[in-house]
C-alpha atoms as a PDB file:
ATOM      1  CA  MET A   1       7.588 -15.470 -16.667  1.00  0.00           C
ATOM      2  CA  SER A   2      10.491 -13.645 -14.852  1.00  0.00           C
ATOM      3  CA  PHE A   3      10.247 -12.459 -11.431  1.00  0.00           C
ATOM      4  CA  SER A   4      13.680 -10.822 -11.555  1.00  0.00           C
ATOM      5  CA  ALA A   5      12.306  -7.486 -11.413  1.00  0.00           C
ATOM      6  CA  LEU A   6      10.279  -8.401  -8.381  1.00  0.00           C
ATOM      7  CA  ILE A   7      13.241  -9.899  -6.360  1.00  0.00           C
ATOM      8  CA  SER A   8      15.364  -6.544  -7.375  1.00  0.00           C
ATOM      9  CA  LYS A   9      12.477  -4.566  -5.982  1.00  0.00           C
ATOM     10  CA  MET A  10      12.096  -6.323  -2.817  1.00  0.00           C
ATOM     11  CA  SER A  11      16.053  -6.247  -2.303  1.00  0.00           C
ATOM     12  CA  VAL A  12      15.802  -2.540  -2.703  1.00  0.00           C
ATOM     13  CA  LEU A  13      13.410  -2.264   0.021  1.00  0.00           C
ATOM     14  CA  PHE A  14      15.184  -4.196   2.401  1.00  0.00           C
ATOM     15  CA  LEU A  15      18.487  -2.254   1.760  1.00  0.00           C
ATOM     16  CA  TYR A  16      16.409   0.958   2.497  1.00  0.00           C
ATOM     17  CA  ILE A  17      15.070  -0.559   5.794  1.00  0.00           C
ATOM     18  CA  CYS A  18      18.595  -1.587   6.575  1.00  0.00           C
ATOM     19  CA  ILE A  19      19.769   2.206   5.954  1.00  0.00           C
ATOM     20  CA  GLY A  20      16.998   3.119   8.299  1.00  0.00           C
ATOM     21  CA  LEU A  21      18.081   0.702  11.006  1.00  0.00           C
ATOM     22  CA  LEU A  22      21.435   2.214  11.033  1.00  0.00           C
ATOM     23  CA  CYS A  23      20.223   5.830  11.026  1.00  0.00           C
ATOM     24  CA  GLY A  24      18.081   4.903  14.067  1.00  0.00           C
ATOM     25  CA  LYS A  25      20.877   3.100  15.869  1.00  0.00           C
ATOM     26  CA  THR A  26      23.383   5.571  15.260  1.00  0.00           C
ATOM     27  CA  GLY A  27      21.041   8.851  16.095  1.00  0.00           C
ATOM     28  CA  ILE A  28      21.185  10.142  12.758  1.00  0.00           C
ATOM     29  CA  VAL A  29      17.236   9.840  12.767  1.00  0.00           C
ATOM     30  CA  ASN A  30      15.984  10.310  16.360  1.00  0.00           C
ATOM     31  CA  GLU A  31      12.145   9.931  16.912  1.00  0.00           C
ATOM     32  CA  GLU A  32      11.704  13.870  16.515  1.00  0.00           C
ATOM     33  CA  GLY A  33      13.275  13.520  13.022  1.00  0.00           C
ATOM     34  CA  SER A  34      11.140  10.536  12.482  1.00  0.00           C
ATOM     35  CA  ARG A  35       8.323  12.423  13.334  1.00  0.00           C
ATOM     36  CA  LEU A  36       9.083  15.062  10.706  1.00  0.00           C
ATOM     37  CA  LEU A  37       9.870  12.922   8.049  1.00  0.00           C
ATOM     38  CA  ASN A  38       6.773  11.129   8.475  1.00  0.00           C
ATOM     39  CA  LYS A  39       4.705  14.265   8.004  1.00  0.00           C
ATOM     40  CA  LEU A  40       6.725  15.024   4.674  1.00  0.00           C
ATOM     41  CA  VAL A  41       5.958  11.773   3.347  1.00  0.00           C
ATOM     42  CA  LEU A  42       2.167  12.038   4.385  1.00  0.00           C
ATOM     43  CA  PHE A  43       1.536  15.555   3.351  1.00  0.00           C
ATOM     44  CA  ILE A  44       4.030  16.292   0.408  1.00  0.00           C
ATOM     45  CA  CYS A  45       5.587  12.934  -1.152  1.00  0.00           C
ATOM     46  CA  SER A  46       2.304  11.022  -1.167  1.00  0.00           C
ATOM     47  CA  PRO A  47       0.087  13.378  -2.874  1.00  0.00           C
ATOM     48  CA  ALA A  48       2.762  13.791  -5.365  1.00  0.00           C
ATOM     49  CA  LEU A  49       3.067  10.124  -6.071  1.00  0.00           C
ATOM     50  CA  ILE A  50      -0.812  10.079  -6.694  1.00  0.00           C
ATOM     51  CA  LEU A  51      -0.696  12.878  -9.198  1.00  0.00           C
ATOM     52  CA  HIS A  52       2.384  11.357 -10.789  1.00  0.00           C
ATOM     53  CA  ALA A  53       0.789   7.833 -11.530  1.00  0.00           C
ATOM     54  CA  VAL A  54      -1.769   9.757 -13.783  1.00  0.00           C
ATOM     55  CA  LEU A  55       0.566  12.177 -15.306  1.00  0.00           C
ATOM     56  CA  ASP A  56       3.186   9.601 -16.387  1.00  0.00           C
ATOM     57  CA  SER A  57       0.407   7.262 -17.866  1.00  0.00           C
ATOM     58  CA  GLU A  58      -0.524   7.073 -21.613  1.00  0.00           C
ATOM     59  CA  LEU A  59      -4.369   6.835 -21.829  1.00  0.00           C
ATOM     60  CA  THR A  60      -5.045   3.690 -24.230  1.00  0.00           C
ATOM     61  CA  TYR A  61      -8.537   2.806 -22.680  1.00  0.00           C
ATOM     62  CA  SER A  62     -11.937   4.380 -23.137  1.00  0.00           C
ATOM     63  CA  VAL A  63     -13.530   6.160 -20.307  1.00  0.00           C
ATOM     64  CA  ALA A  64     -16.191   3.497 -20.186  1.00  0.00           C
ATOM     65  CA  ASP A  65     -13.321   0.997 -19.572  1.00  0.00           C
ATOM     66  CA  ILE A  66     -11.669   3.293 -16.751  1.00  0.00           C
ATOM     67  CA  LEU A  67     -15.149   3.689 -15.002  1.00  0.00           C
ATOM     68  CA  TYR A  68     -15.540  -0.124 -15.118  1.00  0.00           C
ATOM     69  CA  LEU A  69     -12.044  -0.540 -13.637  1.00  0.00           C
ATOM     70  CA  LEU A  70     -12.830   2.018 -10.944  1.00  0.00           C
ATOM     71  CA  LEU A  71     -16.208   0.333  -9.941  1.00  0.00           C
ATOM     72  CA  PHE A  72     -14.370  -2.989  -9.500  1.00  0.00           C
ATOM     73  CA  GLY A  73     -11.347  -1.335  -7.911  1.00  0.00           C
ATOM     74  CA  LEU A  74     -13.814  -0.040  -5.149  1.00  0.00           C
ATOM     75  CA  VAL A  75     -15.488  -3.502  -4.894  1.00  0.00           C
ATOM     76  CA  PHE A  76     -12.037  -5.012  -4.616  1.00  0.00           C
ATOM     77  CA  MET A  77     -10.913  -2.630  -1.592  1.00  0.00           C
ATOM     78  CA  LEU A  78     -14.259  -3.256   0.142  1.00  0.00           C
ATOM     79  CA  LEU A  79     -13.893  -6.951  -0.291  1.00  0.00           C
ATOM     80  CA  MET A  80     -10.356  -6.578   1.090  1.00  0.00           C
ATOM     81  CA  LEU A  81     -11.801  -4.745   4.050  1.00  0.00           C
ATOM     82  CA  LEU A  82     -14.382  -7.562   4.640  1.00  0.00           C
ATOM     83  CA  PHE A  83     -11.623 -10.352   4.493  1.00  0.00           C
ATOM     84  CA  GLY A  84      -9.740  -8.382   6.898  1.00  0.00           C
ATOM     85  CA  PHE A  85     -12.363  -7.697   9.263  1.00  0.00           C
ATOM     86  CA  VAL A  86     -13.374 -11.714   9.129  1.00  0.00           C
ATOM     87  CA  CYS A  87      -9.750 -12.455   9.666  1.00  0.00           C
ATOM     88  CA  THR A  88      -9.435 -10.437  12.750  1.00  0.00           C
ATOM     89  CA  ARG A  89     -12.369 -12.176  14.372  1.00  0.00           C
ATOM     90  CA  LEU A  90     -11.312 -15.658  13.031  1.00  0.00           C
ATOM     91  CA  PHE A  91      -7.986 -15.449  14.844  1.00  0.00           C
ATOM     92  CA  ARG A  92      -9.578 -14.006  17.900  1.00  0.00           C
ATOM     93  CA  CYS A  93      -7.322 -10.794  17.762  1.00  0.00           C
ATOM     94  CA  LYS A  94      -7.759  -8.413  20.588  1.00  0.00           C
ATOM     95  CA  ALA A  95     -10.513  -5.798  20.189  1.00  0.00           C
ATOM     96  CA  GLU A  96      -7.898  -2.924  20.811  1.00  0.00           C
ATOM     97  CA  GLU A  97      -5.784  -4.463  17.875  1.00  0.00           C
ATOM     98  CA  ARG A  98      -8.422  -5.317  15.330  1.00  0.00           C
ATOM     99  CA  GLY A  99      -8.437  -2.039  13.616  1.00  0.00           C
ATOM    100  CA  LEU A 100      -4.680  -1.834  12.931  1.00  0.00           C
ATOM    101  CA  MET A 101      -4.457  -5.544  12.263  1.00  0.00           C
ATOM    102  CA  ASN A 102      -7.242  -4.948   9.641  1.00  0.00           C
ATOM    103  CA  LEU A 103      -5.443  -1.969   8.150  1.00  0.00           C
ATOM    104  CA  VAL A 104      -2.117  -4.075   7.735  1.00  0.00           C
ATOM    105  CA  ILE A 105      -4.247  -6.960   6.296  1.00  0.00           C
ATOM    106  CA  SER A 106      -6.536  -5.059   3.876  1.00  0.00           C
ATOM    107  CA  PHE A 107      -4.156  -2.626   2.476  1.00  0.00           C
ATOM    108  CA  GLY A 108      -1.077  -3.664   0.153  1.00  0.00           C
ATOM    109  CA  ASN A 109       2.188  -2.375  -1.243  1.00  0.00           C
ATOM    110  CA  VAL A 110       0.383  -1.783  -4.613  1.00  0.00           C
ATOM    111  CA  ALA A 111       2.600   0.848  -6.206  1.00  0.00           C
ATOM    112  CA  PHE A 112       5.994  -0.040  -5.645  1.00  0.00           C
ATOM    113  CA  MET A 113       5.772  -4.081  -5.682  1.00  0.00           C
ATOM    114  CA  GLY A 114       2.625  -4.480  -7.558  1.00  0.00           C
ATOM    115  CA  PHE A 115       3.260  -2.543 -10.494  1.00  0.00           C
ATOM    116  CA  PRO A 116       6.620  -4.185 -11.387  1.00  0.00           C
ATOM    117  CA  VAL A 117       4.878  -7.624 -11.123  1.00  0.00           C
ATOM    118  CA  ILE A 118       2.107  -6.285 -13.414  1.00  0.00           C
ATOM    119  CA  THR A 119       4.804  -5.220 -15.769  1.00  0.00           C
ATOM    120  CA  ALA A 120       6.663  -8.580 -15.719  1.00  0.00           C
ATOM    121  CA  MET A 121       3.372 -10.453 -16.397  1.00  0.00           C
ATOM    122  CA  TYR A 122       1.681  -8.237 -18.859  1.00  0.00           C
ATOM    123  CA  GLY A 123       3.799  -5.325 -19.989  1.00  0.00           C
ATOM    124  CA  SER A 124       4.148  -1.792 -19.281  1.00  0.00           C
ATOM    125  CA  GLY A 125       1.090  -0.941 -20.946  1.00  0.00           C
ATOM    126  CA  ALA A 126      -0.965  -2.670 -18.038  1.00  0.00           C
ATOM    127  CA  VAL A 127       0.647  -0.351 -15.264  1.00  0.00           C
ATOM    128  CA  PHE A 128      -1.984   2.068 -15.850  1.00  0.00           C
ATOM    129  CA  LEU A 129      -4.610  -0.248 -14.980  1.00  0.00           C
ATOM    130  CA  GLY A 130      -2.797  -0.439 -12.025  1.00  0.00           C
ATOM    131  CA  SER A 131      -2.769   3.287 -11.413  1.00  0.00           C
ATOM    132  CA  VAL A 132      -6.486   3.278 -11.980  1.00  0.00           C
ATOM    133  CA  CYS A 133      -7.136   0.816  -9.487  1.00  0.00           C
ATOM    134  CA  THR A 134      -5.311   2.581  -6.725  1.00  0.00           C
ATOM    135  CA  ILE A 135      -7.702   5.431  -6.807  1.00  0.00           C
ATOM    136  CA  PRO A 136     -10.194   3.643  -4.699  1.00  0.00           C
ATOM    137  CA  PHE A 137      -7.245   2.401  -2.642  1.00  0.00           C
ATOM    138  CA  ASN A 138      -5.979   6.065  -1.912  1.00  0.00           C
ATOM    139  CA  ILE A 139      -9.397   7.304  -1.008  1.00  0.00           C
ATOM    140  CA  LEU A 140      -9.901   4.560   1.610  1.00  0.00           C
ATOM    141  CA  ILE A 141      -6.376   4.264   2.867  1.00  0.00           C
ATOM    142  CA  PHE A 142      -6.430   7.892   3.864  1.00  0.00           C
ATOM    143  CA  SER A 143      -9.944   7.928   5.286  1.00  0.00           C
ATOM    144  CA  VAL A 144     -10.983   4.281   6.469  1.00  0.00           C
ATOM    145  CA  GLY A 145      -7.532   3.437   7.069  1.00  0.00           C
ATOM    146  CA  ALA A 146      -7.073   6.418   9.547  1.00  0.00           C
ATOM    147  CA  LEU A 147     -10.463   5.403  11.160  1.00  0.00           C
ATOM    148  CA  LEU A 148      -9.228   1.867  11.683  1.00  0.00           C
ATOM    149  CA  ILE A 149      -6.021   3.444  13.555  1.00  0.00           C
ATOM    150  CA  VAL A 150      -7.990   5.760  15.562  1.00  0.00           C
ATOM    151  CA  GLY A 151     -10.770   3.253  16.557  1.00  0.00           C
ATOM    152  CA  LYS A 152     -12.890   4.200  19.680  1.00  0.00           C
ATOM    153  CA  LYS A 153     -10.365   6.702  21.242  1.00  0.00           C
ATOM    154  CA  LYS A 154     -11.772   9.334  23.372  1.00  0.00           C
ATOM    155  CA  ASN A 155     -10.810  12.131  20.873  1.00  0.00           C
ATOM    156  CA  GLY A 156     -11.738  10.327  17.899  1.00  0.00           C
ATOM    157  CA  LEU A 157     -10.626  11.432  14.369  1.00  0.00           C
ATOM    158  CA  PRO A 158     -11.965  14.976  13.341  1.00  0.00           C
ATOM    159  CA  ILE A 159     -13.759  14.374   9.918  1.00  0.00           C
ATOM    160  CA  ARG A 160     -12.091  17.660   8.677  1.00  0.00           C
ATOM    161  CA  LYS A 161      -8.771  16.256   9.121  1.00  0.00           C
ATOM    162  CA  VAL A 162      -9.905  13.365   6.805  1.00  0.00           C
ATOM    163  CA  ILE A 163     -11.609  15.404   4.169  1.00  0.00           C
ATOM    164  CA  THR A 164      -8.751  17.903   4.021  1.00  0.00           C
ATOM    165  CA  ASN A 165      -5.812  15.008   3.800  1.00  0.00           C
ATOM    166  CA  PRO A 166      -3.588  16.215   0.814  1.00  0.00           C
ATOM    167  CA  SER A 167      -3.544  12.722  -0.471  1.00  0.00           C
ATOM    168  CA  LEU A 168      -7.276  12.520  -0.648  1.00  0.00           C
ATOM    169  CA  ILE A 169      -7.337  16.102  -2.372  1.00  0.00           C
ATOM    170  CA  ALA A 170      -4.466  14.793  -4.876  1.00  0.00           C
ATOM    171  CA  THR A 171      -6.498  11.858  -5.636  1.00  0.00           C
ATOM    172  CA  ALA A 172      -9.574  13.734  -6.768  1.00  0.00           C
ATOM    173  CA  VAL A 173      -7.401  16.282  -8.664  1.00  0.00           C
ATOM    174  CA  SER A 174      -5.875  13.412 -10.230  1.00  0.00           C
ATOM    175  CA  PHE A 175      -9.117  11.894 -11.521  1.00  0.00           C
ATOM    176  CA  VAL A 176      -9.911  15.524 -13.115  1.00  0.00           C
ATOM    177  CA  ILE A 177      -6.559  15.408 -14.921  1.00  0.00           C
ATOM    178  CA  PHE A 178      -7.406  11.841 -16.162  1.00  0.00           C
ATOM    179  CA  LEU A 179     -11.058  12.782 -17.324  1.00  0.00           C
ATOM    180  CA  LEU A 180     -10.051  16.163 -18.939  1.00  0.00           C
ATOM    181  CA  ASP A 181      -6.614  14.871 -20.241  1.00  0.00           C
ATOM    182  CA  ILE A 182      -4.761  17.694 -18.632  1.00  0.00           C
ATOM    183  CA  SER A 183      -0.977  17.830 -19.199  1.00  0.00           C
ATOM    184  CA  PHE A 184       1.395  20.020 -17.221  1.00  0.00           C
ATOM    185  CA  PRO A 185       4.784  21.758 -18.456  1.00  0.00           C
ATOM    186  CA  ALA A 186       7.538  19.455 -18.501  1.00  0.00           C
ATOM    187  CA  PRO A 187       9.328  20.845 -15.572  1.00  0.00           C
ATOM    188  CA  VAL A 188       6.279  20.735 -13.330  1.00  0.00           C
ATOM    189  CA  GLU A 189       5.913  16.963 -14.223  1.00  0.00           C
ATOM    190  CA  GLU A 190       9.748  16.153 -13.488  1.00  0.00           C
ATOM    191  CA  ALA A 191       9.344  18.039 -10.201  1.00  0.00           C
ATOM    192  CA  ILE A 192       6.267  16.035  -9.314  1.00  0.00           C
ATOM    193  CA  GLY A 193       7.900  12.946 -10.471  1.00  0.00           C
ATOM    194  CA  GLY A 194      10.979  13.908  -8.456  1.00  0.00           C
ATOM    195  CA  ILE A 195       9.245  14.258  -5.112  1.00  0.00           C
ATOM    196  CA  ALA A 196       7.080  11.114  -5.804  1.00  0.00           C
ATOM    197  CA  GLY A 197      10.116   9.205  -5.991  1.00  0.00           C
ATOM    198  CA  MET A 198      11.150   9.913  -2.468  1.00  0.00           C
ATOM    199  CA  VAL A 199       7.912   8.375  -1.071  1.00  0.00           C
ATOM    200  CA  ILE A 200       9.317   4.727  -1.273  1.00  0.00           C
ATOM    201  CA  PRO A 201      12.701   5.404   0.056  1.00  0.00           C
ATOM    202  CA  LEU A 202      11.680   7.832   3.038  1.00  0.00           C
ATOM    203  CA  SER A 203       8.623   5.268   4.011  1.00  0.00           C
ATOM    204  CA  MET A 204      11.228   2.317   4.190  1.00  0.00           C
ATOM    205  CA  LEU A 205      13.661   4.452   5.966  1.00  0.00           C
ATOM    206  CA  LEU A 206      11.028   5.247   8.387  1.00  0.00           C
ATOM    207  CA  ILE A 207      10.450   1.590   9.037  1.00  0.00           C
ATOM    208  CA  GLY A 208      13.775   0.907   9.426  1.00  0.00           C
ATOM    209  CA  THR A 209      14.152   3.536  12.040  1.00  0.00           C
ATOM    210  CA  SER A 210      11.151   2.360  13.793  1.00  0.00           C
ATOM    211  CA  LEU A 211      12.302  -1.175  14.081  1.00  0.00           C
ATOM    212  CA  SER A 212      15.731   0.251  15.497  1.00  0.00           C
ATOM    213  CA  ARG A 213      13.806   1.108  18.556  1.00  0.00           C
ATOM    214  CA  MET A 214      12.773  -2.619  18.884  1.00  0.00           C
ATOM    215  CA  SER A 215      14.447  -5.800  19.671  1.00  0.00           C
ATOM    216  CA  PRO A 216      14.939  -8.196  16.866  1.00  0.00           C
ATOM    217  CA  ARG A 217      13.484 -10.735  19.131  1.00  0.00           C
ATOM    218  CA  ALA A 218      10.297  -8.759  19.649  1.00  0.00           C
ATOM    219  CA  VAL A 219       9.977  -8.282  15.863  1.00  0.00           C
ATOM    220  CA  LEU A 220      10.531 -11.994  14.998  1.00  0.00           C
ATOM    221  CA  LEU A 221       8.542 -13.750  17.816  1.00  0.00           C
ATOM    222  CA  ASP A 222       5.477 -11.533  17.656  1.00  0.00           C
ATOM    223  CA  LYS A 223       3.014 -13.986  16.589  1.00  0.00           C
ATOM    224  CA  ARG A 224       0.482 -11.312  15.379  1.00  0.00           C
ATOM    225  CA  CYS A 225       2.953 -10.677  12.671  1.00  0.00           C
ATOM    226  CA  TYR A 226       2.552 -14.125  11.425  1.00  0.00           C
ATOM    227  CA  ILE A 227      -1.219 -14.186  11.588  1.00  0.00           C
ATOM    228  CA  VAL A 228      -1.041 -10.861   9.483  1.00  0.00           C
ATOM    229  CA  SER A 229       1.123 -12.699   6.917  1.00  0.00           C
ATOM    230  CA  LEU A 230      -1.105 -15.788   6.471  1.00  0.00           C
ATOM    231  CA  CYS A 231      -4.170 -13.675   6.290  1.00  0.00           C
ATOM    232  CA  LYS A 232      -2.311 -10.990   3.876  1.00  0.00           C
ATOM    233  CA  LEU A 233      -0.375 -13.382   1.504  1.00  0.00           C
ATOM    234  CA  ILE A 234      -2.554 -16.554   1.404  1.00  0.00           C
ATOM    235  CA  VAL A 235      -6.185 -16.168   2.745  1.00  0.00           C
ATOM    236  CA  LEU A 236      -7.001 -12.901   1.011  1.00  0.00           C
ATOM    237  CA  PRO A 237      -5.497 -13.735  -2.459  1.00  0.00           C
ATOM    238  CA  LEU A 238      -7.277 -16.916  -2.614  1.00  0.00           C
ATOM    239  CA  GLY A 239     -10.593 -15.322  -1.346  1.00  0.00           C
ATOM    240  CA  LEU A 240     -10.485 -12.474  -3.620  1.00  0.00           C
ATOM    241  CA  ALA A 241      -9.593 -14.614  -6.648  1.00  0.00           C
ATOM    242  CA  ALA A 242     -12.613 -16.965  -6.215  1.00  0.00           C
ATOM    243  CA  CYS A 243     -14.880 -13.820  -5.939  1.00  0.00           C
ATOM    244  CA  PHE A 244     -13.406 -12.125  -8.829  1.00  0.00           C
ATOM    245  CA  ARG A 245     -13.518 -15.003 -11.166  1.00  0.00           C
ATOM    246  CA  PHE A 246     -17.250 -14.554 -11.341  1.00  0.00           C
ATOM    247  CA  LEU A 247     -17.062 -10.767 -11.130  1.00  0.00           C
ATOM    248  CA  VAL A 248     -14.524  -9.656 -13.774  1.00  0.00           C
ATOM    249  CA  HIS A 249     -14.593 -11.431 -17.218  1.00  0.00           C
ATOM    250  CA  ASP A 250     -11.696  -9.496 -18.703  1.00  0.00           C
ATOM    251  CA  PRO A 251      -8.507 -11.773 -18.141  1.00  0.00           C
ATOM    252  CA  LEU A 252      -6.183  -8.648 -18.039  1.00  0.00           C
ATOM    253  CA  PHE A 253      -8.366  -6.840 -15.496  1.00  0.00           C
ATOM    254  CA  TYR A 254      -8.795 -10.119 -13.506  1.00  0.00           C
ATOM    255  CA  GLY A 255      -5.034 -10.709 -13.487  1.00  0.00           C
ATOM    256  CA  VAL A 256      -4.465  -7.286 -12.342  1.00  0.00           C
ATOM    257  CA  PHE A 257      -6.800  -7.495  -9.392  1.00  0.00           C
ATOM    258  CA  VAL A 258      -5.136 -10.963  -8.388  1.00  0.00           C
ATOM    259  CA  ILE A 259      -1.686  -9.580  -8.426  1.00  0.00           C
ATOM    260  CA  LEU A 260      -2.471  -6.383  -6.199  1.00  0.00           C
ATOM    261  CA  SER A 261      -4.430  -8.775  -3.860  1.00  0.00           C
ATOM    262  CA  CYS A 262      -0.807 -10.696  -3.264  1.00  0.00           C
ATOM    263  CA  MET A 263       1.139  -8.109  -2.317  1.00  0.00           C
ATOM    264  CA  PRO A 264       2.658  -7.518   1.294  1.00  0.00           C
ATOM    265  CA  SER A 265       1.314  -4.818   3.844  1.00  0.00           C
ATOM    266  CA  ALA A 266       1.444  -1.272   2.660  1.00  0.00           C
ATOM    267  CA  THR A 267       4.384   0.868   3.434  1.00  0.00           C
ATOM    268  CA  MET A 268       2.243   3.695   4.231  1.00  0.00           C
ATOM    269  CA  ALA A 269       0.827   1.846   7.335  1.00  0.00           C
ATOM    270  CA  PRO A 270       3.481   2.743   9.531  1.00  0.00           C
ATOM    271  CA  VAL A 271       3.320   6.383   8.211  1.00  0.00           C
ATOM    272  CA  LEU A 272      -0.528   6.555   8.984  1.00  0.00           C
ATOM    273  CA  CYS A 273       0.244   5.431  12.372  1.00  0.00           C
ATOM    274  CA  GLY A 274       2.896   7.994  13.167  1.00  0.00           C
ATOM    275  CA  GLU A 275       0.219  10.731  12.041  1.00  0.00           C
ATOM    276  CA  TYR A 276      -2.725   9.417  13.904  1.00  0.00           C
ATOM    277  CA  GLY A 277      -1.228   7.835  17.216  1.00  0.00           C
ATOM    278  CA  GLY A 278      -1.251   4.026  16.063  1.00  0.00           C
ATOM    279  CA  ASN A 279       1.262   1.447  17.182  1.00  0.00           C
ATOM    280  CA  THR A 280       3.895   2.278  14.430  1.00  0.00           C
ATOM    281  CA  GLN A 281       6.493  -0.234  15.712  1.00  0.00           C
ATOM    282  CA  PHE A 282       3.693  -3.126  15.261  1.00  0.00           C
ATOM    283  CA  ALA A 283       2.685  -1.652  11.781  1.00  0.00           C
ATOM    284  CA  SER A 284       6.668  -1.516  10.898  1.00  0.00           C
ATOM    285  CA  SER A 285       7.012  -5.136  11.910  1.00  0.00           C
ATOM    286  CA  CYS A 286       4.008  -6.312   9.787  1.00  0.00           C
ATOM    287  CA  VAL A 287       5.528  -4.630   6.655  1.00  0.00           C
ATOM    288  CA  PHE A 288       8.761  -5.965   7.362  1.00  0.00           C
ATOM    289  CA  ILE A 289       7.789  -9.716   7.986  1.00  0.00           C
ATOM    290  CA  THR A 290       4.863  -9.500   5.102  1.00  0.00           C
ATOM    291  CA  THR A 291       7.615  -8.298   2.575  1.00  0.00           C
ATOM    292  CA  LEU A 292      10.032 -11.049   3.799  1.00  0.00           C
ATOM    293  CA  PHE A 293       7.602 -13.953   3.118  1.00  0.00           C
ATOM    294  CA  SER A 294       6.093 -12.463  -0.039  1.00  0.00           C
ATOM    295  CA  LEU A 295       9.424 -13.174  -1.869  1.00  0.00           C
ATOM    296  CA  ALA A 296       8.146 -16.826  -1.608  1.00  0.00           C
ATOM    297  CA  THR A 297       4.324 -16.517  -1.555  1.00  0.00           C
ATOM    298  CA  VAL A 298       3.897 -14.049  -4.424  1.00  0.00           C
ATOM    299  CA  PRO A 299       5.387 -16.172  -7.126  1.00  0.00           C
ATOM    300  CA  ILE A 300       3.743 -19.413  -5.736  1.00  0.00           C
ATOM    301  CA  MET A 301       0.200 -17.624  -5.430  1.00  0.00           C
ATOM    302  CA  LEU A 302       0.250 -16.321  -8.914  1.00  0.00           C
ATOM    303  CA  TYR A 303       1.467 -19.736 -10.215  1.00  0.00           C
ATOM    304  CA  LEU A 304      -1.588 -21.307  -8.290  1.00  0.00           C
ATOM    305  CA  ILE A 305      -4.165 -18.777  -9.206  1.00  0.00           C
ATOM    306  CA  LEU A 306      -3.241 -17.271 -12.748  1.00  0.00           C
ATOM    307  CA  LEU A 307      -1.491 -20.291 -14.540  1.00  0.00           C
END
């Protein structure tokens, strides 16, 4: 089994972050520019990515299989949130930080890093299974994830803002497209795919610009990032693997869930923080540190759990 595809993808992530750092340090992208790019990712590019995951997949499974996978995809995300909740209490995180720490622990970089690992282990056909698993992920990260960021702030989060989130709407539309087997004209699909391809570069550039406003010492010496890394990259994969060993009997489905549980913090976390007033710099630090450590932890965890 080769992890060269994974290493290549991670290298690309770090190059994007470095470019973002350069843009931030030189003033090419200032705070106002970051805010506007943040909205572009959240309201345009991310919905396109969700639609593209369905449009670009070949249906090789029955509806019953997909519904089964959706059910366990929901169970998977609820367990991730539960583990994140327990970890923030176990490590006695400050009350005002628990929501954001739960977010970066529970939600992983499933698309950009999870899918290449699934391909490396099971072939490109299994990527469709991963895209189905991301439906509950997308619903929860743009609803529960936003609520975790807002927490108990005085103004709270208007429910209308959650329900009308373009990514949630795109998730509902993508499910209808899948059920009815709808196809779009080639130019439309190509345009959606092109916009979808902007999500990861722009998200990582935003992380780089956020880090450019922090001192390297503040990023590397923040013990909270290492608590998040321990929980996200080791505790959660082992815990989820133990739970799903008894729940999921199909070895391919089980392998997909294990791979997704091993991924570092979601690049969407800092984007959501930028939209809902969370600590963007801390979220960016967590994405950076967990991605760095995942170079070593992902192969080790998959070897221990799946081989």
